[in-house]
N, C-alpha and C. Protein backbone atom coordinates (compact mmCIF):
# COMPACT_ATOMS: atom_id res chain seq x y z
N MET A 1 0.48 10.16 -11.78
CA MET A 1 0.69 8.74 -11.84
C MET A 1 0.38 8.19 -13.23
N ILE A 2 -0.75 8.54 -13.80
CA ILE A 2 -1.12 8.05 -15.12
C ILE A 2 -1.11 9.22 -16.09
N TYR A 3 -0.52 9.01 -17.24
CA TYR A 3 -0.44 10.06 -18.24
C TYR A 3 -1.15 9.63 -19.51
N GLY A 4 -1.51 10.58 -20.32
CA GLY A 4 -2.16 10.28 -21.59
C GLY A 4 -3.65 10.54 -21.50
N LEU A 5 -4.43 9.64 -22.07
CA LEU A 5 -5.88 9.83 -22.16
C LEU A 5 -6.58 9.84 -20.81
N THR A 6 -6.02 9.17 -19.83
CA THR A 6 -6.68 9.10 -18.52
C THR A 6 -6.29 10.23 -17.57
N LYS A 7 -5.33 11.04 -17.96
CA LYS A 7 -4.87 12.14 -17.11
C LYS A 7 -6.01 13.09 -16.78
N GLY A 8 -6.23 13.30 -15.50
CA GLY A 8 -7.26 14.23 -15.05
C GLY A 8 -8.67 13.64 -15.00
N THR A 9 -8.80 12.33 -15.22
CA THR A 9 -10.12 11.71 -15.21
C THR A 9 -10.38 11.03 -13.86
N ASP A 10 -11.61 10.57 -13.70
CA ASP A 10 -11.97 9.84 -12.48
C ASP A 10 -11.17 8.55 -12.36
N PHE A 11 -10.85 7.94 -13.51
CA PHE A 11 -10.07 6.70 -13.49
C PHE A 11 -8.69 6.93 -12.89
N GLU A 12 -8.08 8.05 -13.20
CA GLU A 12 -6.77 8.37 -12.62
C GLU A 12 -6.88 8.49 -11.11
N LYS A 13 -7.94 9.14 -10.64
CA LYS A 13 -8.14 9.28 -9.20
C LYS A 13 -8.34 7.92 -8.54
N LEU A 14 -9.08 7.05 -9.19
CA LEU A 14 -9.32 5.71 -8.67
C LEU A 14 -8.00 4.94 -8.57
N CYS A 15 -7.19 5.00 -9.59
CA CYS A 15 -5.89 4.31 -9.58
C CYS A 15 -4.97 4.88 -8.52
N ASP A 16 -4.98 6.18 -8.34
CA ASP A 16 -4.15 6.82 -7.33
C ASP A 16 -4.57 6.35 -5.94
N GLY A 17 -5.87 6.28 -5.71
CA GLY A 17 -6.36 5.80 -4.42
C GLY A 17 -5.99 4.35 -4.17
N ALA A 18 -6.07 3.52 -5.20
CA ALA A 18 -5.71 2.11 -5.06
C ALA A 18 -4.22 1.96 -4.77
N ALA A 19 -3.39 2.75 -5.40
CA ALA A 19 -1.95 2.69 -5.16
C ALA A 19 -1.62 3.11 -3.73
N LYS A 20 -2.28 4.14 -3.24
CA LYS A 20 -2.05 4.58 -1.86
C LYS A 20 -2.51 3.54 -0.87
N ALA A 21 -3.65 2.89 -1.15
CA ALA A 21 -4.15 1.84 -0.26
C ALA A 21 -3.18 0.66 -0.23
N GLU A 22 -2.64 0.29 -1.37
CA GLU A 22 -1.68 -0.80 -1.44
C GLU A 22 -0.43 -0.47 -0.63
N ALA A 23 0.06 0.74 -0.75
CA ALA A 23 1.25 1.15 -0.01
C ALA A 23 0.98 1.13 1.49
N ALA A 24 -0.20 1.58 1.90
CA ALA A 24 -0.55 1.56 3.32
C ALA A 24 -0.63 0.13 3.84
N GLY A 25 -1.16 -0.78 3.03
CA GLY A 25 -1.25 -2.18 3.43
C GLY A 25 0.12 -2.81 3.61
N VAL A 26 1.03 -2.49 2.71
CA VAL A 26 2.40 -3.02 2.81
C VAL A 26 3.07 -2.50 4.08
N MET A 27 2.92 -1.23 4.36
CA MET A 27 3.53 -0.66 5.56
C MET A 27 2.94 -1.29 6.83
N THR A 28 1.65 -1.55 6.84
CA THR A 28 1.01 -2.19 7.98
C THR A 28 1.55 -3.60 8.17
N TYR A 29 1.69 -4.33 7.07
CA TYR A 29 2.22 -5.70 7.13
C TYR A 29 3.62 -5.70 7.73
N TYR A 30 4.49 -4.82 7.25
CA TYR A 30 5.85 -4.79 7.76
C TYR A 30 5.90 -4.37 9.22
N ALA A 31 5.04 -3.45 9.62
CA ALA A 31 5.00 -3.04 11.02
C ALA A 31 4.57 -4.21 11.91
N LEU A 32 3.56 -4.95 11.48
CA LEU A 32 3.10 -6.10 12.26
C LEU A 32 4.16 -7.21 12.29
N ALA A 33 4.82 -7.43 11.16
CA ALA A 33 5.88 -8.44 11.12
C ALA A 33 7.02 -8.08 12.07
N ARG A 34 7.35 -6.83 12.14
CA ARG A 34 8.42 -6.40 13.03
C ARG A 34 8.01 -6.56 14.49
N MET A 35 6.76 -6.22 14.78
CA MET A 35 6.26 -6.37 16.15
C MET A 35 6.28 -7.83 16.58
N THR A 36 5.84 -8.74 15.70
CA THR A 36 5.81 -10.15 16.07
C THR A 36 7.23 -10.68 16.27
N LYS A 37 8.17 -10.22 15.47
CA LYS A 37 9.55 -10.66 15.63
C LYS A 37 10.10 -10.18 16.98
N GLU A 38 9.76 -8.95 17.36
CA GLU A 38 10.21 -8.41 18.64
C GLU A 38 9.56 -9.16 19.81
N GLN A 39 8.37 -9.70 19.59
CA GLN A 39 7.68 -10.45 20.63
C GLN A 39 8.13 -11.91 20.70
N GLY A 40 9.01 -12.31 19.79
CA GLY A 40 9.53 -13.67 19.80
C GLY A 40 8.83 -14.63 18.87
N TYR A 41 8.13 -14.12 17.89
CA TYR A 41 7.46 -14.96 16.90
C TYR A 41 7.99 -14.67 15.50
N PRO A 42 9.23 -15.03 15.22
CA PRO A 42 9.85 -14.68 13.93
C PRO A 42 9.22 -15.39 12.73
N GLU A 43 8.49 -16.49 12.96
CA GLU A 43 7.94 -17.25 11.84
C GLU A 43 6.68 -16.62 11.24
N VAL A 44 6.12 -15.63 11.89
CA VAL A 44 4.89 -14.99 11.39
C VAL A 44 5.19 -14.12 10.20
């Protein structure tokens, strides 16, 4: 994910973890939005 001076450092691992957490959050949001739409609450 990160190249150059930070490659292989703890900072790279931290950034990788943050990116994965962000992606998981987005997927959760879309799953919940889809569920609410199916339940008849499209405005959520």
